[in-house]
Amino acid sequence: MRLALPVFLLFGFALLGASCTKPERWTAVVYANQTAFNYREVGEFETLQDCLRRGRQLKGGGFLECGLNCRYDAQGLLRCEKTVRLMDHQDKP
């Protein structure tokens, strides 16, 4: 019986930790050129792969970044936990 309580507590903490993880949200952002501060959001996606795939279709002649769990800060700038930029040489099928 003494072993059951620690195992139960460990299992409970594991469930609690799993339920506290937030889902990933990837935001596709298109810039007019490499040095542009003007950008437009073109969608939110559940995976990085979906973000890159759809972003490629929507970026036109601009440059694409996918940002993880992005939000706007007090100055109105888009801040992301992580960003992945699609470089020109990666854009070829």
PDB file of N, CA and C in Angstrom:
ATOM      1  N   MET A   1       0.814  -1.200   0.000  1.00  0.00           N
ATOM      2  CA  MET A   1       0.000   0.000   0.000  1.00  0.00           C
ATOM      3  C   MET A   1       0.853   1.259   0.000  1.00  0.00           C
ATOM      4  N   ARG A   2       2.030   1.181   0.632  1.00  0.00           N
ATOM      5  CA  ARG A   2       2.909   2.350   0.684  1.00  0.00           C
ATOM      6  C   ARG A   2       3.391   2.745  -0.710  1.00  0.00           C
ATOM      7  N   LEU A   3       3.564   1.804  -1.574  1.00  0.00           N
ATOM      8  CA  LEU A   3       4.011   2.081  -2.932  1.00  0.00           C
ATOM      9  C   LEU A   3       2.898   2.685  -3.778  1.00  0.00           C
ATOM     10  N   ALA A   4       1.667   2.381  -3.463  1.00  0.00           N
ATOM     11  CA  ALA A   4       0.537   2.859  -4.260  1.00  0.00           C
ATOM     12  C   ALA A   4       0.391   4.372  -4.220  1.00  0.00           C
ATOM     13  N   LEU A   5       0.614   4.993  -3.072  1.00  0.00           N
ATOM     14  CA  LEU A   5       0.457   6.440  -2.957  1.00  0.00           C
ATOM     15  C   LEU A   5       1.478   7.200  -3.816  1.00  0.00           C
ATOM     16  N   PRO A   6       2.783   6.877  -3.745  1.00  0.00           N
ATOM     17  CA  PRO A   6       3.730   7.588  -4.620  1.00  0.00           C
ATOM     18  C   PRO A   6       3.437   7.378  -6.111  1.00  0.00           C
ATOM     19  N   VAL A   7       3.038   6.159  -6.477  1.00  0.00           N
ATOM     20  CA  VAL A   7       2.716   5.886  -7.885  1.00  0.00           C
ATOM     21  C   VAL A   7       1.498   6.697  -8.298  1.00  0.00           C
ATOM     22  N   PHE A   8       0.497   6.766  -7.442  1.00  0.00           N
ATOM     23  CA  PHE A   8      -0.700   7.556  -7.715  1.00  0.00           C
ATOM     24  C   PHE A   8      -0.355   9.041  -7.863  1.00  0.00           C
ATOM     25  N   LEU A   9       0.486   9.557  -6.967  1.00  0.00           N
ATOM     26  CA  LEU A   9       0.889  10.967  -7.043  1.00  0.00           C
ATOM     27  C   LEU A   9       1.683  11.252  -8.320  1.00  0.00           C
ATOM     28  N   LEU A  10       2.596  10.365  -8.659  1.00  0.00           N
ATOM     29  CA  LEU A  10       3.381  10.538  -9.878  1.00  0.00           C
ATOM     30  C   LEU A  10       2.483  10.548 -11.104  1.00  0.00           C
ATOM     31  N   PHE A  11       1.531   9.635 -11.157  1.00  0.00           N
ATOM     32  CA  PHE A  11       0.590   9.572 -12.272  1.00  0.00           C
ATOM     33  C   PHE A  11      -0.268  10.837 -12.326  1.00  0.00           C
ATOM     34  N   GLY A  12      -0.699  11.313 -11.167  1.00  0.00           N
ATOM     35  CA  GLY A  12      -1.503  12.537 -11.099  1.00  0.00           C
ATOM     36  C   GLY A  12      -0.742  13.746 -11.609  1.00  0.00           C
ATOM     37  N   PHE A  13       0.530  13.876 -11.216  1.00  0.00           N
ATOM     38  CA  PHE A  13       1.338  15.004 -11.690  1.00  0.00           C
ATOM     39  C   PHE A  13       1.583  14.918 -13.191  1.00  0.00           C
ATOM     40  N   ALA A  14       1.748  13.704 -13.706  1.00  0.00           N
ATOM     41  CA  ALA A  14       1.946  13.534 -15.147  1.00  0.00           C
ATOM     42  C   ALA A  14       0.704  13.980 -15.911  1.00  0.00           C
ATOM     43  N   LEU A  15      -0.468  13.604 -15.407  1.00  0.00           N
ATOM     44  CA  LEU A  15      -1.710  14.043 -16.061  1.00  0.00           C
ATOM     45  C   LEU A  15      -1.879  15.551 -15.981  1.00  0.00           C
ATOM     46  N   LEU A  16      -1.551  16.131 -14.838  1.00  0.00           N
ATOM     47  CA  LEU A  16      -1.660  17.573 -14.668  1.00  0.00           C
ATOM     48  C   LEU A  16      -0.734  18.297 -15.635  1.00  0.00           C
ATOM     49  N   GLY A  17       0.499  17.816 -15.761  1.00  0.00           N
ATOM     50  CA  GLY A  17       1.451  18.435 -16.683  1.00  0.00           C
ATOM     51  C   GLY A  17       1.005  18.334 -18.124  1.00  0.00           C
ATOM     52  N   ALA A  18       0.441  17.202 -18.492  1.00  0.00           N
ATOM     53  CA  ALA A  18      -0.018  17.012 -19.871  1.00  0.00           C
ATOM     54  C   ALA A  18      -1.201  17.911 -20.185  1.00  0.00           C
ATOM     55  N   SER A  19      -2.042  18.154 -19.215  1.00  0.00           N
ATOM     56  CA  SER A  19      -3.213  18.989 -19.472  1.00  0.00           C
ATOM     57  C   SER A  19      -2.875  20.472 -19.502  1.00  0.00           C
ATOM     58  N   CYS A  20      -1.691  20.860 -18.999  1.00  0.00           N
ATOM     59  CA  CYS A  20      -1.307  22.268 -18.953  1.00  0.00           C
ATOM     60  C   CYS A  20      -0.558  22.719 -20.202  1.00  0.00           C
ATOM     61  N   THR A  21      -0.183  21.796 -21.066  1.00  0.00           N
ATOM     62  CA  THR A  21       0.530  22.196 -22.264  1.00  0.00           C
ATOM     63  C   THR A  21      -0.424  22.866 -23.230  1.00  0.00           C
ATOM     64  N   LYS A  22       0.018  23.978 -23.778  1.00  0.00           N
ATOM     65  CA  LYS A  22      -0.847  24.687 -24.714  1.00  0.00           C
ATOM     66  C   LYS A  22      -0.595  24.178 -26.126  1.00  0.00           C
ATOM     67  N   PRO A  23      -1.605  24.182 -26.956  1.00  0.00           N
ATOM     68  CA  PRO A  23      -1.419  23.715 -28.331  1.00  0.00           C
ATOM     69  C   PRO A  23      -0.554  24.709 -29.108  1.00  0.00           C
ATOM     70  N   GLU A  24       0.176  24.179 -30.069  1.00  0.00           N
ATOM     71  CA  GLU A  24       0.986  25.049 -30.923  1.00  0.00           C
ATOM     72  C   GLU A  24       0.092  25.751 -31.926  1.00  0.00           C
ATOM     73  N   ARG A  25       0.338  27.028 -32.123  1.00  0.00           N
ATOM     74  CA  ARG A  25      -0.331  27.810 -33.160  1.00  0.00           C
ATOM     75  C   ARG A  25       0.765  28.494 -33.963  1.00  0.00           C
ATOM     76  N   TRP A  26       0.851  28.180 -35.229  1.00  0.00           N
ATOM     77  CA  TRP A  26       1.847  28.762 -36.126  1.00  0.00           C
ATOM     78  C   TRP A  26       1.169  29.819 -36.976  1.00  0.00           C
ATOM     79  N   THR A  27       1.714  31.026 -36.980  1.00  0.00           N
ATOM     80  CA  THR A  27       1.181  32.139 -37.752  1.00  0.00           C
ATOM     81  C   THR A  27       2.068  32.377 -38.967  1.00  0.00           C
ATOM     82  N   ALA A  28       1.466  32.354 -40.151  1.00  0.00           N
ATOM     83  CA  ALA A  28       2.203  32.656 -41.385  1.00  0.00           C
ATOM     84  C   ALA A  28       2.193  34.166 -41.593  1.00  0.00           C
ATOM     85  N   VAL A  29       3.397  34.722 -41.806  1.00  0.00           N
ATOM     86  CA  VAL A  29       3.567  36.161 -41.990  1.00  0.00           C
ATOM     87  C   VAL A  29       4.349  36.376 -43.276  1.00  0.00           C
ATOM     88  N   VAL A  30       3.844  37.249 -44.146  1.00  0.00           N
ATOM     89  CA  VAL A  30       4.511  37.553 -45.414  1.00  0.00           C
ATOM     90  C   VAL A  30       5.031  38.984 -45.382  1.00  0.00           C
ATOM     91  N   TYR A  31       6.307  39.148 -45.720  1.00  0.00           N
ATOM     92  CA  TYR A  31       6.953  40.453 -45.826  1.00  0.00           C
ATOM     93  C   TYR A  31       7.124  40.798 -47.300  1.00  0.00           C
ATOM     94  N   ALA A  32       7.037  42.088 -47.628  1.00  0.00           N
ATOM     95  CA  ALA A  32       7.186  42.518 -49.024  1.00  0.00           C
ATOM     96  C   ALA A  32       8.596  42.233 -49.546  1.00  0.00           C
ATOM     97  N   ASN A  33       9.629  42.416 -48.708  1.00  0.00           N
ATOM     98  CA  ASN A  33      10.998  42.090 -49.070  1.00  0.00           C
ATOM     99  C   ASN A  33      11.790  41.785 -47.799  1.00  0.00           C
ATOM    100  N   GLN A  34      13.076  41.457 -47.944  1.00  0.00           N
ATOM    101  CA  GLN A  34      13.870  41.020 -46.791  1.00  0.00           C
ATOM    102  C   GLN A  34      14.026  42.095 -45.723  1.00  0.00           C
ATOM    103  N   THR A  35      13.970  43.360 -46.088  1.00  0.00           N
ATOM    104  CA  THR A  35      14.187  44.427 -45.117  1.00  0.00           C
ATOM    105  C   THR A  35      12.903  45.158 -44.748  1.00  0.00           C
ATOM    106  N   ALA A  36      11.772  44.675 -45.223  1.00  0.00           N
ATOM    107  CA  ALA A  36      10.502  45.366 -44.991  1.00  0.00           C
ATOM    108  C   ALA A  36      10.015  45.171 -43.563  1.00  0.00           C
ATOM    109  N   PHE A  37       9.499  46.245 -42.993  1.00  0.00           N
ATOM    110  CA  PHE A  37       8.842  46.152 -41.698  1.00  0.00           C
ATOM    111  C   PHE A  37       7.339  45.997 -41.894  1.00  0.00           C
ATOM    112  N   ASN A  38       6.884  46.197 -43.119  1.00  0.00           N
ATOM    113  CA  ASN A  38       5.472  45.995 -43.428  1.00  0.00           C
ATOM    114  C   ASN A  38       5.239  44.516 -43.696  1.00  0.00           C
ATOM    115  N   TYR A  39       4.271  43.976 -43.024  1.00  0.00           N
ATOM    116  CA  TYR A  39       3.966  42.558 -43.192  1.00  0.00           C
ATOM    117  C   TYR A  39       2.467  42.350 -43.078  1.00  0.00           C
ATOM    118  N   ARG A  40       2.060  41.175 -43.495  1.00  0.00           N
ATOM    119  CA  ARG A  40       0.650  40.816 -43.327  1.00  0.00           C
ATOM    120  C   ARG A  40       0.581  39.370 -42.868  1.00  0.00           C
ATOM    121  N   GLU A  41      -0.312  39.125 -41.940  1.00  0.00           N
ATOM    122  CA  GLU A  41      -0.564  37.760 -41.489  1.00  0.00           C
ATOM    123  C   GLU A  41      -1.474  37.101 -42.518  1.00  0.00           C
ATOM    124  N   VAL A  42      -1.140  35.874 -42.884  1.00  0.00           N
ATOM    125  CA  VAL A  42      -1.946  35.193 -43.898  1.00  0.00           C
ATOM    126  C   VAL A  42      -2.635  33.945 -43.362  1.00  0.00           C
ATOM    127  N   GLY A  43      -2.521  33.680 -42.069  1.00  0.00           N
ATOM    128  CA  GLY A  43      -3.253  32.555 -41.498  1.00  0.00           C
ATOM    129  C   GLY A  43      -2.585  31.965 -40.275  1.00  0.00           C
ATOM    130  N   GLU A  44      -3.353  31.166 -39.552  1.00  0.00           N
ATOM    131  CA  GLU A  44      -2.861  30.418 -38.390  1.00  0.00           C
ATOM    132  C   GLU A  44      -3.038  28.937 -38.655  1.00  0.00           C
ATOM    133  N   PHE A  45      -2.051  28.151 -38.196  1.00  0.00           N
ATOM    134  CA  PHE A  45      -2.027  26.723 -38.494  1.00  0.00           C
ATOM    135  C   PHE A  45      -1.603  25.931 -37.269  1.00  0.00           C
ATOM    136  N   GLU A  46      -1.977  24.661 -37.237  1.00  0.00           N
ATOM    137  CA  GLU A  46      -1.666  23.804 -36.098  1.00  0.00           C
ATOM    138  C   GLU A  46      -0.253  23.249 -36.140  1.00  0.00           C
ATOM    139  N   THR A  47       0.351  23.168 -37.329  1.00  0.00           N
ATOM    140  CA  THR A  47       1.707  22.625 -37.442  1.00  0.00           C
ATOM    141  C   THR A  47       2.574  23.558 -38.279  1.00  0.00           C
ATOM    142  N   LEU A  48       3.885  23.460 -38.062  1.00  0.00           N
ATOM    143  CA  LEU A  48       4.831  24.237 -38.858  1.00  0.00           C
ATOM    144  C   LEU A  48       4.739  23.841 -40.327  1.00  0.00           C
ATOM    145  N   GLN A  49       4.594  22.557 -40.595  1.00  0.00           N
ATOM    146  CA  GLN A  49       4.519  22.085 -41.981  1.00  0.00           C
ATOM    147  C   GLN A  49       3.328  22.701 -42.704  1.00  0.00           C
ATOM    148  N   ASP A  50       2.170  22.758 -42.041  1.00  0.00           N
ATOM    149  CA  ASP A  50       0.987  23.374 -42.656  1.00  0.00           C
ATOM    150  C   ASP A  50       1.207  24.864 -42.898  1.00  0.00           C
ATOM    151  N   CYS A  51       1.852  25.519 -41.948  1.00  0.00           N
ATOM    152  CA  CYS A  51       2.136  26.948 -42.088  1.00  0.00           C
ATOM    153  C   CYS A  51       3.030  27.205 -43.300  1.00  0.00           C
ATOM    154  N   LEU A  52       4.102  26.439 -43.424  1.00  0.00           N
ATOM    155  CA  LEU A  52       5.019  26.617 -44.556  1.00  0.00           C
ATOM    156  C   LEU A  52       4.349  26.278 -45.881  1.00  0.00           C
ATOM    157  N   ARG A  53       3.590  25.205 -45.896  1.00  0.00           N
ATOM    158  CA  ARG A  53       2.917  24.776 -47.130  1.00  0.00           C
ATOM    159  C   ARG A  53       1.948  25.847 -47.625  1.00  0.00           C
ATOM    160  N   ARG A  54       1.088  26.308 -46.747  1.00  0.00           N
ATOM    161  CA  ARG A  54       0.080  27.308 -47.147  1.00  0.00           C
ATOM    162  C   ARG A  54       0.735  28.672 -47.385  1.00  0.00           C
ATOM    163  N   GLY A  55       1.707  29.008 -46.574  1.00  0.00           N
ATOM    164  CA  GLY A  55       2.413  30.275 -46.744  1.00  0.00           C
ATOM    165  C   GLY A  55       3.101  30.385 -48.093  1.00  0.00           C
ATOM    166  N   ARG A  56       3.670  29.276 -48.572  1.00  0.00           N
ATOM    167  CA  ARG A  56       4.306  29.267 -49.902  1.00  0.00           C
ATOM    168  C   ARG A  56       3.303  29.668 -50.975  1.00  0.00           C
ATOM    169  N   GLN A  57       2.078  29.205 -50.830  1.00  0.00           N
ATOM    170  CA  GLN A  57       1.046  29.487 -51.829  1.00  0.00           C
ATOM    171  C   GLN A  57       0.598  30.941 -51.776  1.00  0.00           C
ATOM    172  N   LEU A  58       0.703  31.572 -50.624  1.00  0.00           N
ATOM    173  CA  LEU A  58       0.158  32.918 -50.443  1.00  0.00           C
ATOM    174  C   LEU A  58       1.190  34.033 -50.465  1.00  0.00           C
ATOM    175  N   LYS A  59       2.471  33.700 -50.462  1.00  0.00           N
ATOM    176  CA  LYS A  59       3.472  34.744 -50.285  1.00  0.00           C
ATOM    177  C   LYS A  59       3.734  35.587 -51.524  1.00  0.00           C
ATOM    178  N   GLY A  60       3.365  35.122 -52.701  1.00  0.00           N
ATOM    179  CA  GLY A  60       3.625  35.901 -53.908  1.00  0.00           C
ATOM    180  C   GLY A  60       5.110  36.138 -54.056  1.00  0.00           C
ATOM    181  N   GLY A  61       5.506  37.401 -54.265  1.00  0.00           N
ATOM    182  CA  GLY A  61       6.928  37.733 -54.412  1.00  0.00           C
ATOM    183  C   GLY A  61       7.590  38.102 -53.109  1.00  0.00           C
ATOM    184  N   GLY A  62       6.902  37.963 -51.998  1.00  0.00           N
ATOM    185  CA  GLY A  62       7.450  38.348 -50.701  1.00  0.00           C
ATOM    186  C   GLY A  62       8.236  37.234 -50.034  1.00  0.00           C
ATOM    187  N   PHE A  63       8.528  37.449 -48.774  1.00  0.00           N
ATOM    188  CA  PHE A  63       9.261  36.483 -47.973  1.00  0.00           C
ATOM    189  C   PHE A  63       8.353  35.977 -46.863  1.00  0.00           C
ATOM    190  N   LEU A  64       8.496  34.710 -46.513  1.00  0.00           N
ATOM    191  CA  LEU A  64       7.599  34.060 -45.564  1.00  0.00           C
ATOM    192  C   LEU A  64       8.310  33.723 -44.269  1.00  0.00           C
ATOM    193  N   GLU A  65       7.641  33.998 -43.156  1.00  0.00           N
ATOM    194  CA  GLU A  65       8.054  33.502 -41.850  1.00  0.00           C
ATOM    195  C   GLU A  65       6.855  32.831 -41.199  1.00  0.00           C
ATOM    196  N   CYS A  66       7.125  31.767 -40.455  1.00  0.00           N
ATOM    197  CA  CYS A  66       6.102  31.142 -39.622  1.00  0.00           C
ATOM    198  C   CYS A  66       6.533  31.321 -38.178  1.00  0.00           C
ATOM    199  N   GLY A  67       5.643  31.863 -37.368  1.00  0.00           N
ATOM    200  CA  GLY A  67       5.951  32.128 -35.970  1.00  0.00           C
ATOM    201  C   GLY A  67       5.116  31.265 -35.045  1.00  0.00           C
ATOM    202  N   LEU A  68       5.740  30.789 -33.976  1.00  0.00           N
ATOM    203  CA  LEU A  68       5.067  29.920 -33.001  1.00  0.00           C
ATOM    204  C   LEU A  68       4.452  30.748 -31.885  1.00  0.00           C
ATOM    205  N   ASN A  69       3.159  30.526 -31.628  1.00  0.00           N
ATOM    206  CA  ASN A  69       2.428  31.172 -30.527  1.00  0.00           C
ATOM    207  C   ASN A  69       2.678  32.683 -30.485  1.00  0.00           C
ATOM    208  N   CYS A  70       2.377  33.352 -31.571  1.00  0.00           N
ATOM    209  CA  CYS A  70       2.618  34.791 -31.702  1.00  0.00           C
ATOM    210  C   CYS A  70       1.530  35.602 -30.996  1.00  0.00           C
ATOM    211  N   ARG A  71       1.921  36.781 -30.568  1.00  0.00           N
ATOM    212  CA  ARG A  71       0.985  37.731 -29.965  1.00  0.00           C
ATOM    213  C   ARG A  71       1.565  39.126 -30.149  1.00  0.00           C
ATOM    214  N   TYR A  72       0.712  40.114 -30.041  1.00  0.00           N
ATOM    215  CA  TYR A  72       1.155  41.498 -30.173  1.00  0.00           C
ATOM    216  C   TYR A  72       1.585  42.034 -28.817  1.00  0.00           C
ATOM    217  N   ASP A  73       2.702  42.773 -28.798  1.00  0.00           N
ATOM    218  CA  ASP A  73       3.155  43.378 -27.550  1.00  0.00           C
ATOM    219  C   ASP A  73       2.502  44.752 -27.366  1.00  0.00           C
ATOM    220  N   ALA A  74       2.887  45.463 -26.330  1.00  0.00           N
ATOM    221  CA  ALA A  74       2.282  46.763 -26.002  1.00  0.00           C
ATOM    222  C   ALA A  74       2.513  47.801 -27.095  1.00  0.00           C
ATOM    223  N   GLN A  75       3.585  47.652 -27.873  1.00  0.00           N
ATOM    224  CA  GLN A  75       3.877  48.588 -28.955  1.00  0.00           C
ATOM    225  C   GLN A  75       3.212  48.185 -30.272  1.00  0.00           C
ATOM    226  N   GLY A  76       2.475  47.093 -30.258  1.00  0.00           N
ATOM    227  CA  GLY A  76       1.793  46.652 -31.467  1.00  0.00           C
ATOM    228  C   GLY A  76       2.644  45.804 -32.393  1.00  0.00           C
ATOM    229  N   LEU A  77       3.817  45.340 -31.908  1.00  0.00           N
ATOM    230  CA  LEU A  77       4.685  44.481 -32.716  1.00  0.00           C
ATOM    231  C   LEU A  77       4.339  43.019 -32.464  1.00  0.00           C
ATOM    232  N   LEU A  78       4.397  42.243 -33.511  1.00  0.00           N
ATOM    233  CA  LEU A  78       4.106  40.822 -33.413  1.00  0.00           C
ATOM    234  C   LEU A  78       5.322  40.115 -32.828  1.00  0.00           C
ATOM    235  N   ARG A  79       5.153  39.438 -31.707  1.00  0.00           N
ATOM    236  CA  ARG A  79       6.233  38.705 -31.031  1.00  0.00           C
ATOM    237  C   ARG A  79       5.869  37.227 -31.009  1.00  0.00           C
ATOM    238  N   CYS A  80       6.854  36.383 -31.340  1.00  0.00           N
ATOM    239  CA  CYS A  80       6.628  34.946 -31.389  1.00  0.00           C
ATOM    240  C   CYS A  80       7.668  34.236 -30.527  1.00  0.00           C
ATOM    241  N   GLU A  81       7.294  33.078 -29.997  1.00  0.00           N
ATOM    242  CA  GLU A  81       8.232  32.291 -29.205  1.00  0.00           C
ATOM    243  C   GLU A  81       9.389  31.795 -30.063  1.00  0.00           C
ATOM    244  N   LYS A  82       9.103  31.510 -31.328  1.00  0.00           N
ATOM    245  CA  LYS A  82      10.103  30.995 -32.261  1.00  0.00           C
ATOM    246  C   LYS A  82       9.660  31.370 -33.656  1.00  0.00           C
ATOM    247  N   THR A  83      10.602  31.655 -34.548  1.00  0.00           N
ATOM    248  CA  THR A  83      10.254  31.920 -35.944  1.00  0.00           C
ATOM    249  C   THR A  83      11.093  31.047 -36.869  1.00  0.00           C
ATOM    250  N   VAL A  84      10.479  30.652 -37.962  1.00  0.00           N
ATOM    251  CA  VAL A  84      11.148  29.884 -39.001  1.00  0.00           C
ATOM    252  C   VAL A  84      10.926  30.642 -40.297  1.00  0.00           C
ATOM    253  N   ARG A  85      12.022  31.002 -40.963  1.00  0.00           N
ATOM    254  CA  ARG A  85      11.925  31.768 -42.210  1.00  0.00           C
ATOM    255  C   ARG A  85      12.176  30.856 -43.396  1.00  0.00           C
ATOM    256  N   LEU A  86      11.321  30.965 -44.374  1.00  0.00           N
ATOM    257  CA  LEU A  86      11.486  30.211 -45.618  1.00  0.00           C
ATOM    258  C   LEU A  86      12.420  31.020 -46.525  1.00  0.00           C
ATOM    259  N   MET A  87      13.590  30.489 -46.770  1.00  0.00           N
ATOM    260  CA  MET A  87      14.571  31.181 -47.615  1.00  0.00           C
ATOM    261  C   MET A  87      14.273  30.878 -49.081  1.00  0.00           C
ATOM    262  N   ASP A  88      14.746  31.741 -49.954  1.00  0.00           N
ATOM    263  CA  ASP A  88      14.484  31.578 -51.385  1.00  0.00           C
ATOM    264  C   ASP A  88      14.894  30.207 -51.910  1.00  0.00           C
ATOM    265  N   HIS A  89      16.057  29.710 -51.526  1.00  0.00           N
ATOM    266  CA  HIS A  89      16.530  28.432 -52.054  1.00  0.00           C
ATOM    267  C   HIS A  89      15.691  27.267 -51.539  1.00  0.00           C
ATOM    268  N   GLN A  90      14.940  27.464 -50.463  1.00  0.00           N
ATOM    269  CA  GLN A  90      14.080  26.405 -49.936  1.00  0.00           C
ATOM    270  C   GLN A  90      12.696  26.418 -50.588  1.00  0.00           C
ATOM    271  N   ASP A  91      12.430  27.435 -51.376  1.00  0.00           N
ATOM    272  CA  ASP A  91      11.103  27.613 -51.943  1.00  0.00           C
ATOM    273  C   ASP A  91      10.890  26.789 -53.213  1.00  0.00           C
ATOM    274  N   LYS A  92      11.939  26.179 -53.715  1.00  0.00           N
ATOM    275  CA  LYS A  92      11.804  25.393 -54.941  1.00  0.00           C
ATOM    276  C   LYS A  92      11.235  24.025 -54.623  1.00  0.00           C
ATOM    277  N   PRO A  93      10.291  23.523 -55.423  1.00  0.00           N
ATOM    278  CA  PRO A  93       9.676  22.212 -55.145  1.00  0.00           C
ATOM    279  C   PRO A  93      10.656  21.065 -55.227  1.00  0.00           C
TER     280      PRO A  93
END
